[in-house]
Amino acid sequence: MERSLTYTVDPQHDGTTVLQFLKEQGYTRHIFVLLKQTENGILINGRWAYVIDRLRCGDTLTVRLLEEPKKPFYDPESAKALPSLSIVYDDEDLAVIDKPAQMPVHPSLEHSGDTLAHAAAAHYGARGESFPYRCPSRLDRDTTGLIVLPKHLLCAASLSRQIAERTFSRTYLAVCRGKTPQNGCIDAPIARAAGSVMERCVDFSAGAAAVTHYRRLAYDAKEDLSLISLTLDTGRTHQIRVHMKYIGFPLIGDFLYNPDYSQIARQALHSYALDFTHPVTHEKKHFTVQLPPDMKRLFPSF
């Protein structure tokens, strides 16, 4: 993967060092180490530069991000069986993907060929593109919807920082059992359930802080189902699933917390909207994606 980024120095940064300027653009210590090892990693007006060099108004600063691609970790033949990537947005810096159900985000012992990582490598490899797979925000295997894939280290660092600073926003849609209040806030710490590797629970003595906001969008009295939207102040494992069970409105189809498959075969949870700042252009980005068919069937008007 190679990405060249060019900056024109404005009057505000006259006299600023390269290091100070690039830090403002989101460059981290790890990236500076990479640039130091890269031929022509940093150029001022076409000439090789140190990070301690000072910039002048009107200078052209060029940064060359070069990351050697790893050897393919998937079998090209088995990759043919993977579902096609549903790409919502794609540029030189990042991609926004609509992830299907039954697709883990990361490879594991149990999933060595059917993950989003494999699908992305196969898709972009077929186009002659390659980039290190990074996923600063994740979704559970059976949760559908939007997820961002950064294509280089600067983009990954920026998105991770936005997530940590809570300027990266995600809105979920979920279907749960029962008629929820019109809206609410669940402030209940979450910890690993005793004796389980996967399961989490609300634990006020040992749990980590977790806050979930929800709003009811629709209620089906006949089926006793609520469609709700949710946003999170924190990002704990299984947070939505644990919190909604805790207040008595568990998600349907959830094999861990409410194994009720009468209306859907997986947890009814969908990453509906993303809002973040583009790491390179600094534009505000907003993406939405419709409910998948299995959830849409339960609430056809949405």
Protein backbone atom coordinates (compact mmCIF):
# COMPACT_ATOMS: atom_id res chain seq x y z
CA MET A 1 0.00 0.00 0.00
CA GLU A 2 1.34 3.44 -0.96
CA ARG A 3 -0.42 6.73 -0.31
CA SER A 4 1.11 10.14 -1.01
CA LEU A 5 -0.35 13.12 0.82
CA THR A 6 0.46 16.74 -0.03
CA TYR A 7 -0.05 19.77 2.20
CA THR A 8 0.38 23.45 1.39
CA VAL A 9 1.61 25.41 4.39
CA ASP A 10 -0.67 28.32 5.32
CA PRO A 11 0.34 31.54 7.13
CA GLN A 12 -0.85 30.13 10.45
CA HIS A 13 1.86 27.45 10.31
CA ASP A 14 4.74 29.63 9.13
CA GLY A 15 7.73 28.70 11.30
CA THR A 16 6.12 25.49 12.58
CA THR A 17 8.26 22.35 12.54
CA VAL A 18 7.33 19.42 10.34
CA LEU A 19 6.73 17.40 13.50
CA GLN A 20 4.29 19.94 14.97
CA PHE A 21 2.44 20.35 11.68
CA LEU A 22 1.98 16.64 11.07
CA LYS A 23 0.92 16.00 14.66
CA GLU A 24 -1.94 18.45 14.04
CA GLN A 25 -2.90 16.34 11.01
CA GLY A 26 -3.17 13.23 13.20
CA TYR A 27 0.24 11.63 12.66
CA THR A 28 1.36 9.48 15.58
CA ARG A 29 4.76 8.32 16.88
CA HIS A 30 4.24 4.99 15.12
CA ILE A 31 3.72 6.78 11.80
CA PHE A 32 6.83 8.94 12.29
CA VAL A 33 8.87 5.76 12.84
CA LEU A 34 7.45 4.39 9.57
CA LEU A 35 8.25 7.63 7.70
CA LYS A 36 11.83 7.62 9.01
CA GLN A 37 12.29 4.16 7.49
CA THR A 38 10.68 5.13 4.16
CA GLU A 39 12.67 6.52 1.25
CA ASN A 40 11.44 10.06 0.53
CA GLY A 41 9.06 9.67 3.46
CA ILE A 42 8.94 13.44 4.07
CA LEU A 43 9.70 16.06 1.43
CA ILE A 44 9.59 19.87 1.57
CA ASN A 45 9.29 21.37 -1.91
CA GLY A 46 10.54 18.08 -3.33
CA ARG A 47 13.59 17.82 -1.08
CA TRP A 48 14.13 15.31 1.72
CA ALA A 49 13.39 16.80 5.15
CA TYR A 50 13.77 16.15 8.87
CA VAL A 51 10.85 16.43 11.29
CA ILE A 52 12.72 19.24 13.08
CA ASP A 53 12.86 21.35 9.89
CA ARG A 54 10.73 24.48 9.96
CA LEU A 55 8.05 25.19 7.40
CA ARG A 56 7.44 28.46 5.60
CA CYS A 57 4.18 29.81 4.26
CA GLY A 58 3.60 28.45 0.77
CA ASP A 59 5.86 25.40 1.22
CA THR A 60 4.66 22.10 -0.21
CA LEU A 61 5.00 19.26 2.29
CA THR A 62 4.70 15.76 0.85
CA VAL A 63 4.35 12.63 2.97
CA ARG A 64 4.76 9.13 1.53
CA LEU A 65 3.01 6.41 3.48
CA LEU A 66 4.36 3.05 2.39
CA GLU A 67 3.38 -0.22 4.05
CA GLU A 68 4.50 -3.52 2.63
CA PRO A 69 1.47 -5.80 2.17
CA LYS A 70 1.51 -9.05 4.06
CA LYS A 71 1.33 -12.33 2.22
CA PRO A 72 -2.26 -13.40 1.50
CA PHE A 73 -3.71 -15.19 4.51
CA TYR A 74 -6.56 -16.76 2.56
CA ASP A 75 -6.98 -19.35 -0.14
CA PRO A 76 -8.08 -17.61 -3.38
CA GLU A 77 -10.23 -20.60 -4.30
CA SER A 78 -12.12 -20.64 -0.99
CA ALA A 79 -12.51 -16.86 -1.23
CA LYS A 80 -14.77 -17.38 -4.23
CA ALA A 81 -17.42 -18.73 -1.85
CA LEU A 82 -17.43 -15.53 0.21
CA PRO A 83 -20.35 -13.13 -0.26
CA SER A 84 -19.59 -10.05 -2.33
CA LEU A 85 -18.71 -7.00 -0.30
CA SER A 86 -21.52 -4.46 -0.11
CA ILE A 87 -19.52 -1.22 -0.36
CA VAL A 88 -21.32 1.94 0.71
CA TYR A 89 -18.33 4.27 0.25
CA ASP A 90 -14.80 3.81 -1.06
CA ASP A 91 -11.83 6.13 -1.61
CA GLU A 92 -8.02 6.04 -1.33
CA ASP A 93 -8.15 6.27 2.45
CA LEU A 94 -11.06 4.18 3.72
CA ALA A 95 -14.05 2.05 2.86
CA VAL A 96 -17.45 1.85 4.51
CA ILE A 97 -18.93 -1.65 4.30
CA ASP A 98 -22.44 -2.98 4.94
CA LYS A 99 -21.52 -6.19 6.76
CA PRO A 100 -23.89 -9.16 6.45
CA ALA A 101 -24.89 -11.48 9.27
CA GLN A 102 -22.88 -14.67 9.90
CA MET A 103 -19.62 -12.85 9.05
CA PRO A 104 -17.04 -12.32 11.81
CA VAL A 105 -14.91 -9.19 11.56
CA HIS A 106 -11.59 -10.85 12.46
CA PRO A 107 -10.10 -14.29 11.71
CA SER A 108 -9.92 -16.81 14.55
CA LEU A 109 -9.36 -20.51 15.05
CA GLU A 110 -13.04 -21.16 14.35
CA HIS A 111 -13.18 -18.71 11.43
CA SER A 112 -10.10 -19.04 9.26
CA GLY A 113 -11.62 -18.21 5.89
CA ASP A 114 -15.06 -16.63 6.19
CA THR A 115 -14.43 -13.25 7.82
CA LEU A 116 -14.69 -9.64 6.74
CA ALA A 117 -10.89 -9.59 6.63
CA HIS A 118 -10.91 -12.40 4.05
CA ALA A 119 -13.70 -10.80 2.00
CA ALA A 120 -11.90 -7.43 1.94
CA ALA A 121 -8.57 -9.02 0.97
CA ALA A 122 -10.24 -10.97 -1.83
CA HIS A 123 -12.22 -7.99 -3.12
CA TYR A 124 -9.40 -5.48 -3.17
CA GLY A 125 -6.85 -8.08 -4.25
CA ALA A 126 -8.94 -8.77 -7.35
CA ARG A 127 -8.71 -5.03 -8.11
CA GLY A 128 -4.93 -5.04 -7.73
CA GLU A 129 -5.12 -3.19 -4.41
CA SER A 130 -3.84 -4.29 -1.04
CA PHE A 131 -3.67 -2.72 2.39
CA PRO A 132 -3.06 -3.99 5.93
CA TYR A 133 -6.36 -5.05 7.45
CA ARG A 134 -7.30 -2.92 10.43
CA CYS A 135 -10.71 -2.48 12.00
CA PRO A 136 -10.82 0.19 14.74
CA SER A 137 -14.49 -0.47 15.44
CA ARG A 138 -15.96 -3.95 15.38
CA LEU A 139 -19.34 -5.65 15.13
CA ASP A 140 -20.40 -9.04 16.48
CA ARG A 141 -20.58 -11.83 13.92
CA ASP A 142 -24.38 -11.73 13.64
CA THR A 143 -24.77 -7.95 13.86
CA THR A 144 -25.33 -6.43 10.43
CA GLY A 145 -24.60 -2.99 9.06
CA LEU A 146 -22.00 -0.30 8.67
CA ILE A 147 -18.35 -0.71 9.55
CA VAL A 148 -15.28 1.32 8.49
CA LEU A 149 -12.06 -0.13 7.08
CA PRO A 150 -9.08 2.27 7.05
CA LYS A 151 -6.62 1.66 4.22
CA HIS A 152 -3.48 3.08 5.83
CA LEU A 153 -1.95 3.83 9.20
CA LEU A 154 -2.86 7.54 9.32
CA CYS A 155 -6.52 6.78 8.66
CA ALA A 156 -6.54 3.99 11.26
CA ALA A 157 -4.92 6.24 13.88
CA SER A 158 -7.39 9.06 13.26
CA LEU A 159 -10.44 6.81 13.46
CA SER A 160 -9.14 5.17 16.65
CA ARG A 161 -8.64 8.59 18.20
CA GLN A 162 -12.14 9.70 17.20
CA ILE A 163 -13.57 6.56 18.79
CA ALA A 164 -11.59 7.20 22.00
CA GLU A 165 -12.70 10.85 22.07
CA ARG A 166 -16.31 9.86 21.26
CA THR A 167 -16.47 12.00 18.12
CA PHE A 168 -17.05 8.85 16.06
CA SER A 169 -20.78 8.17 16.37
CA ARG A 170 -22.75 5.02 15.55
CA THR A 171 -26.52 4.53 15.68
CA TYR A 172 -27.97 1.03 15.96
CA LEU A 173 -31.44 -0.32 15.26
CA ALA A 174 -32.69 -3.33 17.21
CA VAL A 175 -35.85 -5.39 17.66
CA CYS A 176 -36.61 -6.42 21.21
CA ARG A 177 -39.34 -8.31 23.01
CA GLY A 178 -41.99 -6.20 24.72
CA LYS A 179 -43.06 -2.56 24.59
CA THR A 180 -40.18 -0.43 25.77
CA PRO A 181 -40.61 3.05 27.27
CA GLN A 182 -40.59 5.79 24.65
CA ASN A 183 -36.97 6.52 25.46
CA GLY A 184 -34.47 5.89 28.22
CA CYS A 185 -30.88 5.76 29.41
CA ILE A 186 -29.33 2.60 30.86
CA ASP A 187 -26.37 3.31 33.12
CA ALA A 188 -25.20 -0.09 34.36
CA PRO A 189 -21.63 -1.46 34.50
CA ILE A 190 -20.82 -4.62 32.56
CA ALA A 191 -18.47 -7.47 33.47
CA ARG A 192 -17.72 -10.96 32.22
CA ALA A 193 -20.23 -13.50 33.53
CA ALA A 194 -18.78 -15.99 35.97
CA GLY A 195 -17.66 -19.21 34.34
CA SER A 196 -18.12 -17.96 30.76
CA VAL A 197 -15.63 -16.79 28.15
CA MET A 198 -18.25 -15.05 26.00
CA GLU A 199 -21.19 -14.03 28.16
CA ARG A 200 -21.38 -10.63 29.87
CA CYS A 201 -23.67 -9.37 32.62
CA VAL A 202 -24.50 -6.24 34.59
CA ASP A 203 -22.26 -6.16 37.66
CA PHE A 204 -22.32 -3.08 39.91
CA SER A 205 -19.38 -4.29 42.01
CA ALA A 206 -16.86 -5.37 39.38
CA GLY A 207 -18.19 -4.11 36.05
CA ALA A 208 -16.81 -1.40 33.75
CA ALA A 209 -18.94 1.70 33.21
CA ALA A 210 -21.47 1.33 30.39
CA VAL A 211 -24.15 3.77 29.22
CA THR A 212 -26.76 3.11 26.52
CA HIS A 213 -29.41 5.54 25.22
CA TYR A 214 -32.46 4.19 23.41
CA ARG A 215 -35.62 5.47 21.73
CA ARG A 216 -38.65 3.48 20.61
CA LEU A 217 -39.47 3.99 16.93
CA ALA A 218 -42.38 1.56 16.58
CA TYR A 219 -44.30 -1.12 18.44
CA ASP A 220 -46.09 -4.15 17.02
CA ALA A 221 -48.77 -5.01 19.58
CA LYS A 222 -49.74 -8.25 17.82
CA GLU A 223 -46.19 -9.66 17.99
CA ASP A 224 -45.23 -7.70 21.13
CA LEU A 225 -42.09 -6.32 19.48
CA SER A 226 -40.41 -2.90 19.70
CA LEU A 227 -38.12 -1.38 17.09
CA ILE A 228 -35.65 0.89 18.86
CA SER A 229 -32.69 3.10 17.95
CA LEU A 230 -29.67 3.14 20.23
CA THR A 231 -26.50 5.16 20.76
CA LEU A 232 -23.69 4.33 23.16
CA ASP A 233 -21.53 6.46 25.42
CA THR A 234 -19.23 3.46 25.90
CA GLY A 235 -18.30 0.45 23.84
CA ARG A 236 -18.42 -2.62 26.06
CA THR A 237 -18.63 -6.12 24.63
CA HIS A 238 -22.28 -7.08 23.99
CA GLN A 239 -23.35 -3.78 25.59
CA ILE A 240 -26.69 -3.37 23.83
CA ARG A 241 -27.61 -7.02 24.20
CA VAL A 242 -26.76 -7.09 27.91
CA HIS A 243 -28.39 -3.76 28.73
CA MET A 244 -31.67 -4.50 26.96
CA LYS A 245 -31.94 -7.86 28.69
CA TYR A 246 -31.15 -6.18 32.01
CA ILE A 247 -34.14 -3.80 31.72
CA GLY A 248 -36.48 -6.61 30.62
CA PHE A 249 -36.59 -6.08 26.83
CA PRO A 250 -34.09 -8.56 25.35
CA LEU A 251 -33.25 -8.61 21.66
CA ILE A 252 -34.97 -11.45 19.84
CA GLY A 253 -32.86 -14.18 18.24
CA ASP A 254 -29.96 -13.63 20.64
CA PHE A 255 -28.33 -17.03 21.24
CA LEU A 256 -26.63 -15.87 24.44
CA TYR A 257 -29.19 -13.65 26.12
CA ASN A 258 -32.57 -14.56 24.60
CA PRO A 259 -32.53 -17.64 22.35
CA ASP A 260 -35.96 -16.95 20.86
CA TYR A 261 -35.73 -17.82 17.16
CA SER A 262 -39.45 -17.76 16.41
CA GLN A 263 -39.14 -14.60 14.31
CA ILE A 264 -35.47 -14.25 13.38
CA ALA A 265 -32.48 -16.59 13.27
CA ARG A 266 -29.90 -14.22 14.78
CA GLN A 267 -29.79 -11.28 17.19
CA ALA A 268 -31.91 -8.48 15.71
CA LEU A 269 -29.22 -5.80 15.80
CA HIS A 270 -28.13 -3.54 12.94
CA SER A 271 -25.49 -0.82 12.66
CA TYR A 272 -27.66 1.76 10.92
CA ALA A 273 -25.69 5.03 10.82
CA LEU A 274 -22.11 6.28 11.11
CA ASP A 275 -20.87 9.83 11.66
CA PHE A 276 -17.19 10.74 11.72
CA THR A 277 -14.61 13.16 10.34
CA HIS A 278 -12.69 11.95 7.30
CA PRO A 279 -9.09 11.51 8.48
CA VAL A 280 -7.53 13.10 5.36
CA THR A 281 -10.06 15.56 3.92
CA HIS A 282 -11.46 16.48 7.38
CA GLU A 283 -14.96 16.48 5.91
CA LYS A 284 -17.89 15.44 8.11
CA LYS A 285 -19.16 12.10 6.87
CA HIS A 286 -22.62 10.61 7.45
CA PHE A 287 -23.71 7.19 6.20
CA THR A 288 -26.88 5.17 6.67
CA VAL A 289 -27.98 1.76 5.43
CA GLN A 290 -31.45 0.22 5.40
CA LEU A 291 -32.55 -2.63 7.63
CA PRO A 292 -31.56 -6.06 6.32
CA PRO A 293 -34.43 -8.23 5.01
CA ASP A 294 -34.84 -10.34 8.16
CA MET A 295 -35.39 -7.24 10.34
CA LYS A 296 -37.29 -5.34 7.63
CA ARG A 297 -39.82 -8.17 7.52
CA LEU A 298 -40.70 -7.49 11.15
CA PHE A 299 -41.19 -3.74 10.59
CA PRO A 300 -41.90 -3.28 6.86
CA SER A 301 -42.47 0.48 7.09
CA PHE A 302 -38.86 1.11 8.13
